[in-house]
Amino acid sequence: MGEAATGLGSCQVRSETDIPCLRPAAVEIGGIPFCKCCARDQEAYFAVGELTQALTSDRAWQAKSFHRGEQLFETLRKMRRDKTERTVEDKTERAAAVGSLG
């Protein structure tokens, strides 16, 4: 499928650099012609951007939710309680395992 077949011309990735992509364009994304290979790279780039944006938004929400000290204190208290419970469970399991050996 050449330039004539798609009517898009050549891929525009790095078109104004010393190392442009010289493949024929197969798709147009945001008005810019891309070859199949560069289009896949662009899709991956957008996917990473979306994930990063989601993480950034989540962190911003978390920061807002901790604006009051009592919320932070309550969260830390819950984390300590959960860790203590896990430690007790681990010790109980180890003691049971040792008891079953003897």
PDB file of N, CA and C in Angstrom:
ATOM      1  N   MET A   1       0.843  -1.165   0.000  1.00  0.00           N
ATOM      2  CA  MET A   1       0.000   0.000   0.000  1.00  0.00           C
ATOM      3  C   MET A   1       0.894   1.235   0.000  1.00  0.00           C
ATOM      4  N   GLY A   2       1.041   1.906  -1.109  1.00  0.00           N
ATOM      5  CA  GLY A   2       1.926   3.057  -1.220  1.00  0.00           C
ATOM      6  C   GLY A   2       1.193   4.357  -0.987  1.00  0.00           C
ATOM      7  N   GLU A   3       1.897   5.455  -1.282  1.00  0.00           N
ATOM      8  CA  GLU A   3       1.325   6.781  -1.085  1.00  0.00           C
ATOM      9  C   GLU A   3       0.050   6.971  -1.885  1.00  0.00           C
ATOM     10  N   ALA A   4       0.050   6.468  -3.091  1.00  0.00           N
ATOM     11  CA  ALA A   4      -1.115   6.631  -3.954  1.00  0.00           C
ATOM     12  C   ALA A   4      -2.315   5.861  -3.403  1.00  0.00           C
ATOM     13  N   ALA A   5      -2.057   4.718  -2.806  1.00  0.00           N
ATOM     14  CA  ALA A   5      -3.149   3.891  -2.293  1.00  0.00           C
ATOM     15  C   ALA A   5      -3.853   4.541  -1.108  1.00  0.00           C
ATOM     16  N   THR A   6      -3.112   5.178  -0.213  1.00  0.00           N
ATOM     17  CA  THR A   6      -3.722   5.774   0.975  1.00  0.00           C
ATOM     18  C   THR A   6      -4.058   7.244   0.777  1.00  0.00           C
ATOM     19  N   GLY A   7      -3.329   7.899  -0.085  1.00  0.00           N
ATOM     20  CA  GLY A   7      -3.535   9.325  -0.297  1.00  0.00           C
ATOM     21  C   GLY A   7      -3.027  10.176   0.856  1.00  0.00           C
ATOM     22  N   LEU A   8      -2.268   9.572   1.766  1.00  0.00           N
ATOM     23  CA  LEU A   8      -1.780  10.289   2.946  1.00  0.00           C
ATOM     24  C   LEU A   8      -0.352  10.786   2.791  1.00  0.00           C
ATOM     25  N   GLY A   9       0.335  10.336   1.762  1.00  0.00           N
ATOM     26  CA  GLY A   9       1.729  10.732   1.589  1.00  0.00           C
ATOM     27  C   GLY A   9       2.643   9.892   2.445  1.00  0.00           C
ATOM     28  N   SER A  10       3.725  10.505   2.905  1.00  0.00           N
ATOM     29  CA  SER A  10       4.684   9.761   3.721  1.00  0.00           C
ATOM     30  C   SER A  10       4.455  10.039   5.204  1.00  0.00           C
ATOM     31  N   CYS A  11       4.988   9.143   6.017  1.00  0.00           N
ATOM     32  CA  CYS A  11       4.907   9.280   7.473  1.00  0.00           C
ATOM     33  C   CYS A  11       5.588  10.587   7.881  1.00  0.00           C
ATOM     34  N   GLN A  12       4.999  11.313   8.801  1.00  0.00           N
ATOM     35  CA  GLN A  12       5.531  12.608   9.198  1.00  0.00           C
ATOM     36  C   GLN A  12       6.384  12.569  10.472  1.00  0.00           C
ATOM     37  N   VAL A  13       6.613  11.356  11.010  1.00  0.00           N
ATOM     38  CA  VAL A  13       7.429  11.246  12.215  1.00  0.00           C
ATOM     39  C   VAL A  13       8.852  11.682  11.887  1.00  0.00           C
ATOM     40  N   ARG A  14       9.367  12.596  12.668  1.00  0.00           N
ATOM     41  CA  ARG A  14      10.705  13.175  12.500  1.00  0.00           C
ATOM     42  C   ARG A  14      10.893  13.799  11.123  1.00  0.00           C
ATOM     43  N   SER A  15       9.806  14.277  10.508  1.00  0.00           N
ATOM     44  CA  SER A  15       9.879  14.776   9.131  1.00  0.00           C
ATOM     45  C   SER A  15      10.784  15.995   8.973  1.00  0.00           C
ATOM     46  N   GLU A  16      10.963  16.746  10.007  1.00  0.00           N
ATOM     47  CA  GLU A  16      11.817  17.935   9.895  1.00  0.00           C
ATOM     48  C   GLU A  16      13.159  17.742  10.600  1.00  0.00           C
ATOM     49  N   THR A  17      13.610  16.496  10.627  1.00  0.00           N
ATOM     50  CA  THR A  17      14.904  16.187  11.248  1.00  0.00           C
ATOM     51  C   THR A  17      15.830  15.558  10.212  1.00  0.00           C
ATOM     52  N   ASP A  18      17.024  15.233  10.634  1.00  0.00           N
ATOM     53  CA  ASP A  18      17.983  14.578   9.741  1.00  0.00           C
ATOM     54  C   ASP A  18      17.656  13.103   9.525  1.00  0.00           C
ATOM     55  N   ILE A  19      16.800  12.525  10.397  1.00  0.00           N
ATOM     56  CA  ILE A  19      16.468  11.105  10.272  1.00  0.00           C
ATOM     57  C   ILE A  19      14.940  10.902  10.236  1.00  0.00           C
ATOM     58  N   PRO A  20      14.281  11.365   9.181  1.00  0.00           N
ATOM     59  CA  PRO A  20      12.826  11.204   9.101  1.00  0.00           C
ATOM     60  C   PRO A  20      12.448   9.754   8.811  1.00  0.00           C
ATOM     61  N   CYS A  21      11.216   9.401   9.181  1.00  0.00           N
ATOM     62  CA  CYS A  21      10.684   8.088   8.800  1.00  0.00           C
ATOM     63  C   CYS A  21      10.279   8.211   7.334  1.00  0.00           C
ATOM     64  N   LEU A  22      10.777   7.348   6.502  1.00  0.00           N
ATOM     65  CA  LEU A  22      10.541   7.453   5.061  1.00  0.00           C
ATOM     66  C   LEU A  22       9.446   6.510   4.557  1.00  0.00           C
ATOM     67  N   ARG A  23       8.785   5.787   5.469  1.00  0.00           N
ATOM     68  CA  ARG A  23       7.758   4.832   5.052  1.00  0.00           C
ATOM     69  C   ARG A  23       6.485   5.568   4.627  1.00  0.00           C
ATOM     70  N   PRO A  24       5.683   4.925   3.797  1.00  0.00           N
ATOM     71  CA  PRO A  24       4.416   5.537   3.391  1.00  0.00           C
ATOM     72  C   PRO A  24       3.417   5.538   4.554  1.00  0.00           C
ATOM     73  N   ALA A  25       2.643   6.592   4.653  1.00  0.00           N
ATOM     74  CA  ALA A  25       1.655   6.702   5.722  1.00  0.00           C
ATOM     75  C   ALA A  25       0.516   5.722   5.482  1.00  0.00           C
ATOM     76  N   ALA A  26       0.021   5.129   6.555  1.00  0.00           N
ATOM     77  CA  ALA A  26      -1.086   4.181   6.464  1.00  0.00           C
ATOM     78  C   ALA A  26      -2.319   4.700   7.191  1.00  0.00           C
ATOM     79  N   VAL A  27      -2.102   5.533   8.211  1.00  0.00           N
ATOM     80  CA  VAL A  27      -3.221   6.080   8.989  1.00  0.00           C
ATOM     81  C   VAL A  27      -2.937   7.534   9.324  1.00  0.00           C
ATOM     82  N   GLU A  28      -3.989   8.206   9.736  1.00  0.00           N
ATOM     83  CA  GLU A  28      -3.843   9.591  10.163  1.00  0.00           C
ATOM     84  C   GLU A  28      -4.341   9.687  11.594  1.00  0.00           C
ATOM     85  N   ILE A  29      -3.511  10.228  12.477  1.00  0.00           N
ATOM     86  CA  ILE A  29      -3.869  10.398  13.889  1.00  0.00           C
ATOM     87  C   ILE A  29      -3.759  11.876  14.204  1.00  0.00           C
ATOM     88  N   GLY A  30      -4.850  12.466  14.601  1.00  0.00           N
ATOM     89  CA  GLY A  30      -4.846  13.885  14.925  1.00  0.00           C
ATOM     90  C   GLY A  30      -4.428  14.748  13.751  1.00  0.00           C
ATOM     91  N   GLY A  31      -4.773  14.313  12.535  1.00  0.00           N
ATOM     92  CA  GLY A  31      -4.438  15.075  11.347  1.00  0.00           C
ATOM     93  C   GLY A  31      -3.016  14.878  10.848  1.00  0.00           C
ATOM     94  N   ILE A  32      -2.268  13.988  11.488  1.00  0.00           N
ATOM     95  CA  ILE A  32      -0.873  13.753  11.097  1.00  0.00           C
ATOM     96  C   ILE A  32      -0.749  12.346  10.530  1.00  0.00           C
ATOM     97  N   PRO A  33      -0.170  12.209   9.332  1.00  0.00           N
ATOM     98  CA  PRO A  33       0.001  10.884   8.730  1.00  0.00           C
ATOM     99  C   PRO A  33       1.114  10.087   9.411  1.00  0.00           C
ATOM    100  N   PHE A  34       0.815   8.812   9.703  1.00  0.00           N
ATOM    101  CA  PHE A  34       1.775   7.895  10.318  1.00  0.00           C
ATOM    102  C   PHE A  34       1.822   6.605   9.515  1.00  0.00           C
ATOM    103  N   CYS A  35       3.002   5.991   9.448  1.00  0.00           N
ATOM    104  CA  CYS A  35       3.094   4.636   8.904  1.00  0.00           C
ATOM    105  C   CYS A  35       2.574   3.691   9.989  1.00  0.00           C
ATOM    106  N   LYS A  36       2.391   2.426   9.650  1.00  0.00           N
ATOM    107  CA  LYS A  36       1.858   1.471  10.635  1.00  0.00           C
ATOM    108  C   LYS A  36       2.765   1.365  11.867  1.00  0.00           C
ATOM    109  N   CYS A  37       4.059   1.273  11.659  1.00  0.00           N
ATOM    110  CA  CYS A  37       5.011   1.122  12.759  1.00  0.00           C
ATOM    111  C   CYS A  37       4.973   2.337  13.699  1.00  0.00           C
ATOM    112  N   CYS A  38       5.046   3.516  13.122  1.00  0.00           N
ATOM    113  CA  CYS A  38       5.034   4.732  13.950  1.00  0.00           C
ATOM    114  C   CYS A  38       3.679   4.927  14.627  1.00  0.00           C
ATOM    115  N   ALA A  39       2.603   4.492  13.967  1.00  0.00           N
ATOM    116  CA  ALA A  39       1.270   4.588  14.570  1.00  0.00           C
ATOM    117  C   ALA A  39       1.194   3.709  15.809  1.00  0.00           C
ATOM    118  N   ARG A  40       1.771   2.505  15.744  1.00  0.00           N
ATOM    119  CA  ARG A  40       1.792   1.623  16.925  1.00  0.00           C
ATOM    120  C   ARG A  40       2.575   2.275  18.059  1.00  0.00           C
ATOM    121  N   ASP A  41       3.722   2.873  17.716  1.00  0.00           N
ATOM    122  CA  ASP A  41       4.515   3.566  18.735  1.00  0.00           C
ATOM    123  C   ASP A  41       3.719   4.710  19.356  1.00  0.00           C
ATOM    124  N   GLN A  42       2.984   5.435  18.524  1.00  0.00           N
ATOM    125  CA  GLN A  42       2.188   6.564  19.014  1.00  0.00           C
ATOM    126  C   GLN A  42       1.073   6.073  19.924  1.00  0.00           C
ATOM    127  N   GLU A  43       0.432   4.963  19.570  1.00  0.00           N
ATOM    128  CA  GLU A  43      -0.618   4.394  20.419  1.00  0.00           C
ATOM    129  C   GLU A  43      -0.052   4.010  21.780  1.00  0.00           C
ATOM    130  N   ALA A  44       1.135   3.399  21.785  1.00  0.00           N
ATOM    131  CA  ALA A  44       1.775   3.029  23.051  1.00  0.00           C
ATOM    132  C   ALA A  44       2.091   4.274  23.864  1.00  0.00           C
ATOM    133  N   TYR A  45       2.571   5.312  23.213  1.00  0.00           N
ATOM    134  CA  TYR A  45       2.885   6.572  23.882  1.00  0.00           C
ATOM    135  C   TYR A  45       1.627   7.156  24.534  1.00  0.00           C
ATOM    136  N   PHE A  46       0.510   7.147  23.798  1.00  0.00           N
ATOM    137  CA  PHE A  46      -0.752   7.659  24.344  1.00  0.00           C
ATOM    138  C   PHE A  46      -1.220   6.804  25.520  1.00  0.00           C
ATOM    139  N   ALA A  47      -1.063   5.484  25.411  1.00  0.00           N
ATOM    140  CA  ALA A  47      -1.493   4.596  26.492  1.00  0.00           C
ATOM    141  C   ALA A  47      -0.697   4.868  27.766  1.00  0.00           C
ATOM    142  N   VAL A  48       0.610   5.040  27.628  1.00  0.00           N
ATOM    143  CA  VAL A  48       1.443   5.357  28.790  1.00  0.00           C
ATOM    144  C   VAL A  48       1.019   6.705  29.380  1.00  0.00           C
ATOM    145  N   GLY A  49       0.740   7.668  28.515  1.00  0.00           N
ATOM    146  CA  GLY A  49       0.287   8.979  28.980  1.00  0.00           C
ATOM    147  C   GLY A  49      -1.009   8.906  29.753  1.00  0.00           C
ATOM    148  N   GLU A  50      -1.949   8.070  29.275  1.00  0.00           N
ATOM    149  CA  GLU A  50      -3.217   7.916  29.973  1.00  0.00           C
ATOM    150  C   GLU A  50      -3.013   7.287  31.348  1.00  0.00           C
ATOM    151  N   LEU A  51      -2.154   6.272  31.419  1.00  0.00           N
ATOM    152  CA  LEU A  51      -1.866   5.645  32.716  1.00  0.00           C
ATOM    153  C   LEU A  51      -1.218   6.636  33.671  1.00  0.00           C
ATOM    154  N   THR A  52      -0.263   7.390  33.157  1.00  0.00           N
ATOM    155  CA  THR A  52       0.428   8.384  33.973  1.00  0.00           C
ATOM    156  C   THR A  52      -0.534   9.449  34.460  1.00  0.00           C
ATOM    157  N   GLN A  53      -1.419   9.895  33.588  1.00  0.00           N
ATOM    158  CA  GLN A  53      -2.403  10.908  33.962  1.00  0.00           C
ATOM    159  C   GLN A  53      -3.329  10.376  35.047  1.00  0.00           C
ATOM    160  N   ALA A  54      -3.739   9.105  34.913  1.00  0.00           N
ATOM    161  CA  ALA A  54      -4.613   8.506  35.917  1.00  0.00           C
ATOM    162  C   ALA A  54      -3.912   8.461  37.271  1.00  0.00           C
ATOM    163  N   LEU A  55      -2.627   8.088  37.291  1.00  0.00           N
ATOM    164  CA  LEU A  55      -1.874   8.045  38.541  1.00  0.00           C
ATOM    165  C   LEU A  55      -1.730   9.440  39.147  1.00  0.00           C
ATOM    166  N   THR A  56      -1.465  10.420  38.298  1.00  0.00           N
ATOM    167  CA  THR A  56      -1.315  11.795  38.777  1.00  0.00           C
ATOM    168  C   THR A  56      -2.614  12.296  39.366  1.00  0.00           C
ATOM    169  N   SER A  57      -3.727  12.019  38.701  1.00  0.00           N
ATOM    170  CA  SER A  57      -5.034  12.441  39.205  1.00  0.00           C
ATOM    171  C   SER A  57      -5.338  11.772  40.533  1.00  0.00           C
ATOM    172  N   ASP A  58      -5.018  10.475  40.632  1.00  0.00           N
ATOM    173  CA  ASP A  58      -5.262   9.736  41.870  1.00  0.00           C
ATOM    174  C   ASP A  58      -4.432  10.312  43.007  1.00  0.00           C
ATOM    175  N   ARG A  59      -3.183  10.636  42.732  1.00  0.00           N
ATOM    176  CA  ARG A  59      -2.317  11.212  43.772  1.00  0.00           C
ATOM    177  C   ARG A  59      -2.826  12.579  44.204  1.00  0.00           C
ATOM    178  N   ALA A  60      -3.321  13.368  43.261  1.00  0.00           N
ATOM    179  CA  ALA A  60      -3.862  14.682  43.609  1.00  0.00           C
ATOM    180  C   ALA A  60      -5.083  14.519  44.506  1.00  0.00           C
ATOM    181  N   TRP A  61      -5.928  13.544  44.186  1.00  0.00           N
ATOM    182  CA  TRP A  61      -7.106  13.299  45.022  1.00  0.00           C
ATOM    183  C   TRP A  61      -6.682  12.857  46.418  1.00  0.00           C
ATOM    184  N   GLN A  62      -5.699  11.970  46.499  1.00  0.00           N
ATOM    185  CA  GLN A  62      -5.226  11.505  47.799  1.00  0.00           C
ATOM    186  C   GLN A  62      -4.648  12.657  48.611  1.00  0.00           C
ATOM    187  N   ALA A  63      -3.910  13.533  47.967  1.00  0.00           N
ATOM    188  CA  ALA A  63      -3.325  14.672  48.675  1.00  0.00           C
ATOM    189  C   ALA A  63      -4.422  15.564  49.235  1.00  0.00           C
ATOM    190  N   LYS A  64      -5.471  15.798  48.465  1.00  0.00           N
ATOM    191  CA  LYS A  64      -6.583  16.610  48.953  1.00  0.00           C
ATOM    192  C   LYS A  64      -7.283  15.934  50.121  1.00  0.00           C
ATOM    193  N   SER A  65      -7.398  14.597  50.060  1.00  0.00           N
ATOM    194  CA  SER A  65      -8.106  13.887  51.118  1.00  0.00           C
ATOM    195  C   SER A  65      -7.332  13.893  52.434  1.00  0.00           C
ATOM    196  N   PHE A  66      -6.031  14.186  52.390  1.00  0.00           N
ATOM    197  CA  PHE A  66      -5.222  14.225  53.605  1.00  0.00           C
ATOM    198  C   PHE A  66      -4.986  15.643  54.111  1.00  0.00           C
ATOM    199  N   HIS A  67      -5.778  16.584  53.639  1.00  0.00           N
ATOM    200  CA  HIS A  67      -5.518  17.974  54.007  1.00  0.00           C
ATOM    201  C   HIS A  67      -5.723  18.232  55.491  1.00  0.00           C
ATOM    202  N   ARG A  68      -6.490  17.395  56.143  1.00  0.00           N
ATOM    203  CA  ARG A  68      -6.675  17.579  57.583  1.00  0.00           C
ATOM    204  C   ARG A  68      -5.863  16.535  58.335  1.00  0.00           C
ATOM    205  N   GLY A  69      -5.202  16.945  59.396  1.00  0.00           N
ATOM    206  CA  GLY A  69      -4.331  16.056  60.167  1.00  0.00           C
ATOM    207  C   GLY A  69      -5.047  14.851  60.739  1.00  0.00           C
ATOM    208  N   GLU A  70      -6.286  15.012  61.140  1.00  0.00           N
ATOM    209  CA  GLU A  70      -6.992  13.886  61.752  1.00  0.00           C
ATOM    210  C   GLU A  70      -7.216  12.758  60.745  1.00  0.00           C
ATOM    211  N   GLN A  71      -7.406  13.085  59.471  1.00  0.00           N
ATOM    212  CA  GLN A  71      -7.554  12.041  58.463  1.00  0.00           C
ATOM    213  C   GLN A  71      -6.248  11.271  58.314  1.00  0.00           C
ATOM    214  N   LEU A  72      -5.149  11.970  58.293  1.00  0.00           N
ATOM    215  CA  LEU A  72      -3.846  11.332  58.190  1.00  0.00           C
ATOM    216  C   LEU A  72      -3.595  10.467  59.420  1.00  0.00           C
ATOM    217  N   PHE A  73      -3.886  11.015  60.602  1.00  0.00           N
ATOM    218  CA  PHE A  73      -3.710  10.274  61.839  1.00  0.00           C
ATOM    219  C   PHE A  73      -4.533   8.987  61.818  1.00  0.00           C
ATOM    220  N   GLU A  74      -5.779   9.074  61.387  1.00  0.00           N
ATOM    221  CA  GLU A  74      -6.652   7.901  61.344  1.00  0.00           C
ATOM    222  C   GLU A  74      -6.113   6.856  60.365  1.00  0.00           C
ATOM    223  N   THR A  75      -5.629   7.297  59.235  1.00  0.00           N
ATOM    224  CA  THR A  75      -5.071   6.372  58.244  1.00  0.00           C
ATOM    225  C   THR A  75      -3.833   5.680  58.796  1.00  0.00           C
ATOM    226  N   LEU A  76      -2.948   6.426  59.431  1.00  0.00           N
ATOM    227  CA  LEU A  76      -1.747   5.828  60.020  1.00  0.00           C
ATOM    228  C   LEU A  76      -2.107   4.838  61.126  1.00  0.00           C
ATOM    229  N   ARG A  77      -3.080   5.189  61.938  1.00  0.00           N
ATOM    230  CA  ARG A  77      -3.519   4.299  63.017  1.00  0.00           C
ATOM    231  C   ARG A  77      -4.044   2.984  62.433  1.00  0.00           C
ATOM    232  N   LYS A  78      -4.838   3.071  61.365  1.00  0.00           N
ATOM    233  CA  LYS A  78      -5.377   1.876  60.725  1.00  0.00           C
ATOM    234  C   LYS A  78      -4.242   1.033  60.130  1.00  0.00           C
ATOM    235  N   MET A  79      -3.252   1.689  59.516  1.00  0.00           N
ATOM    236  CA  MET A  79      -2.126   0.953  58.944  1.00  0.00           C
ATOM    237  C   MET A  79      -1.355   0.210  60.027  1.00  0.00           C
ATOM    238  N   ARG A  80      -1.128   0.862  61.165  1.00  0.00           N
ATOM    239  CA  ARG A  80      -0.416   0.199  62.272  1.00  0.00           C
ATOM    240  C   ARG A  80      -1.210  -0.987  62.803  1.00  0.00           C
ATOM    241  N   ARG A  81      -2.540  -0.802  62.948  1.00  0.00           N
ATOM    242  CA  ARG A  81      -3.393  -1.878  63.450  1.00  0.00           C
ATOM    243  C   ARG A  81      -3.356  -3.070  62.490  1.00  0.00           C
ATOM    244  N   ASP A  82      -3.456  -2.792  61.189  1.00  0.00           N
ATOM    245  CA  ASP A  82      -3.411  -3.868  60.196  1.00  0.00           C
ATOM    246  C   ASP A  82      -2.080  -4.605  60.248  1.00  0.00           C
ATOM    247  N   LYS A  83      -0.980  -3.855  60.404  1.00  0.00           N
ATOM    248  CA  LYS A  83       0.344  -4.482  60.462  1.00  0.00           C
ATOM    249  C   LYS A  83       0.462  -5.346  61.714  1.00  0.00           C
ATOM    250  N   THR A  84      -0.041  -4.858  62.824  1.00  0.00           N
ATOM    251  CA  THR A  84      -0.001  -5.626  64.071  1.00  0.00           C
ATOM    252  C   THR A  84      -0.793  -6.914  63.931  1.00  0.00           C
ATOM    253  N   GLU A  85      -1.975  -6.824  63.332  1.00  0.00           N
ATOM    254  CA  GLU A  85      -2.799  -8.021  63.128  1.00  0.00           C
ATOM    255  C   GLU A  85      -2.087  -9.030  62.238  1.00  0.00           C
ATOM    256  N   ARG A  86      -1.443  -8.558  61.177  1.00  0.00           N
ATOM    257  CA  ARG A  86      -0.713  -9.472  60.287  1.00  0.00           C
ATOM    258  C   ARG A  86       0.453 -10.123  61.018  1.00  0.00           C
ATOM    259  N   THR A  87       1.145  -9.353  61.866  1.00  0.00           N
ATOM    260  CA  THR A  87       2.277  -9.888  62.626  1.00  0.00           C
ATOM    261  C   THR A  87       1.806 -10.980  63.573  1.00  0.00           C
ATOM    262  N   VAL A  88       0.709 -10.749  64.268  1.00  0.00           N
ATOM    263  CA  VAL A  88       0.161 -11.754  65.190  1.00  0.00           C
ATOM    264  C   VAL A  88      -0.235 -13.002  64.416  1.00  0.00           C
ATOM    265  N   GLU A  89      -0.882 -12.832  63.267  1.00  0.00           N
ATOM    266  CA  GLU A  89      -1.279 -13.985  62.455  1.00  0.00           C
ATOM    267  C   GLU A  89      -0.060 -14.773  61.996  1.00  0.00           C
ATOM    268  N   ASP A  90       0.991 -14.063  61.572  1.00  0.00           N
ATOM    269  CA  ASP A  90       2.216 -14.736  61.124  1.00  0.00           C
ATOM    270  C   ASP A  90       2.847 -15.539  62.261  1.00  0.00           C
ATOM    271  N   LYS A  91       2.923 -14.941  63.455  1.00  0.00           N
ATOM    272  CA  LYS A  91       3.513 -15.644  64.603  1.00  0.00           C
ATOM    273  C   LYS A  91       2.693 -16.865  64.962  1.00  0.00           C
ATOM    274  N   THR A  92       1.369 -16.753  64.896  1.00  0.00           N
ATOM    275  CA  THR A  92       0.484 -17.877  65.214  1.00  0.00           C
ATOM    276  C   THR A  92       0.684 -19.002  64.217  1.00  0.00           C
ATOM    277  N   GLU A  93       0.791 -18.642  62.936  1.00  0.00           N
ATOM    278  CA  GLU A  93       1.012 -19.667  61.896  1.00  0.00           C
ATOM    279  C   GLU A  93       2.369 -20.360  62.089  1.00  0.00           C
ATOM    280  N   ARG A  94       3.396 -19.571  62.406  1.00  0.00           N
ATOM    281  CA  ARG A  94       4.725 -20.152  62.613  1.00  0.00           C
ATOM    282  C   ARG A  94       4.727 -21.078  63.818  1.00  0.00           C
ATOM    283  N   ALA A  95       4.057 -20.656  64.886  1.00  0.00           N
ATOM    284  CA  ALA A  95       4.001 -21.486  66.091  1.00  0.00           C
ATOM    285  C   ALA A  95       3.265 -22.796  65.795  1.00  0.00           C
ATOM    286  N   ALA A  96       2.208 -22.724  65.017  1.00  0.00           N
ATOM    287  CA  ALA A  96       1.468 -23.932  64.658  1.00  0.00           C
ATOM    288  C   ALA A  96       2.319 -24.848  63.794  1.00  0.00           C
ATOM    289  N   ALA A  97       3.088 -24.265  62.890  1.00  0.00           N
ATOM    290  CA  ALA A  97       3.955 -25.064  62.014  1.00  0.00           C
ATOM    291  C   ALA A  97       5.041 -25.748  62.813  1.00  0.00           C
ATOM    292  N   VAL A  98       5.646 -25.036  63.766  1.00  0.00           N
ATOM    293  CA  VAL A  98       6.693 -25.605  64.614  1.00  0.00           C
ATOM    294  C   VAL A  98       6.106 -26.698  65.501  1.00  0.00           C
ATOM    295  N   GLY A  99       4.913 -26.458  66.017  1.00  0.00           N
ATOM    296  CA  GLY A  99       4.248 -27.451  66.877  1.00  0.00           C
ATOM    297  C   GLY A  99       3.928 -28.732  66.131  1.00  0.00           C
ATOM    298  N   SER A 100       3.611 -28.628  64.858  1.00  0.00           N
ATOM    299  CA  SER A 100       3.278 -29.809  64.084  1.00  0.00           C
ATOM    300  C   SER A 100       4.519 -30.627  63.716  1.00  0.00           C
ATOM    301  N   LEU A 101       5.690 -29.986  63.800  1.00  0.00           N
ATOM    302  CA  LEU A 101       6.934 -30.692  63.491  1.00  0.00           C
ATOM    303  C   LEU A 101       7.384 -31.558  64.661  1.00  0.00           C
ATOM    304  N   GLY A 102       7.039 -31.137  65.848  1.00  0.00           N
ATOM    305  CA  GLY A 102       7.569 -31.820  67.035  1.00  0.00           C
ATOM    306  C   GLY A 102       6.676 -32.803  67.592  1.00  0.00           C
TER     307      GLY A 102
END
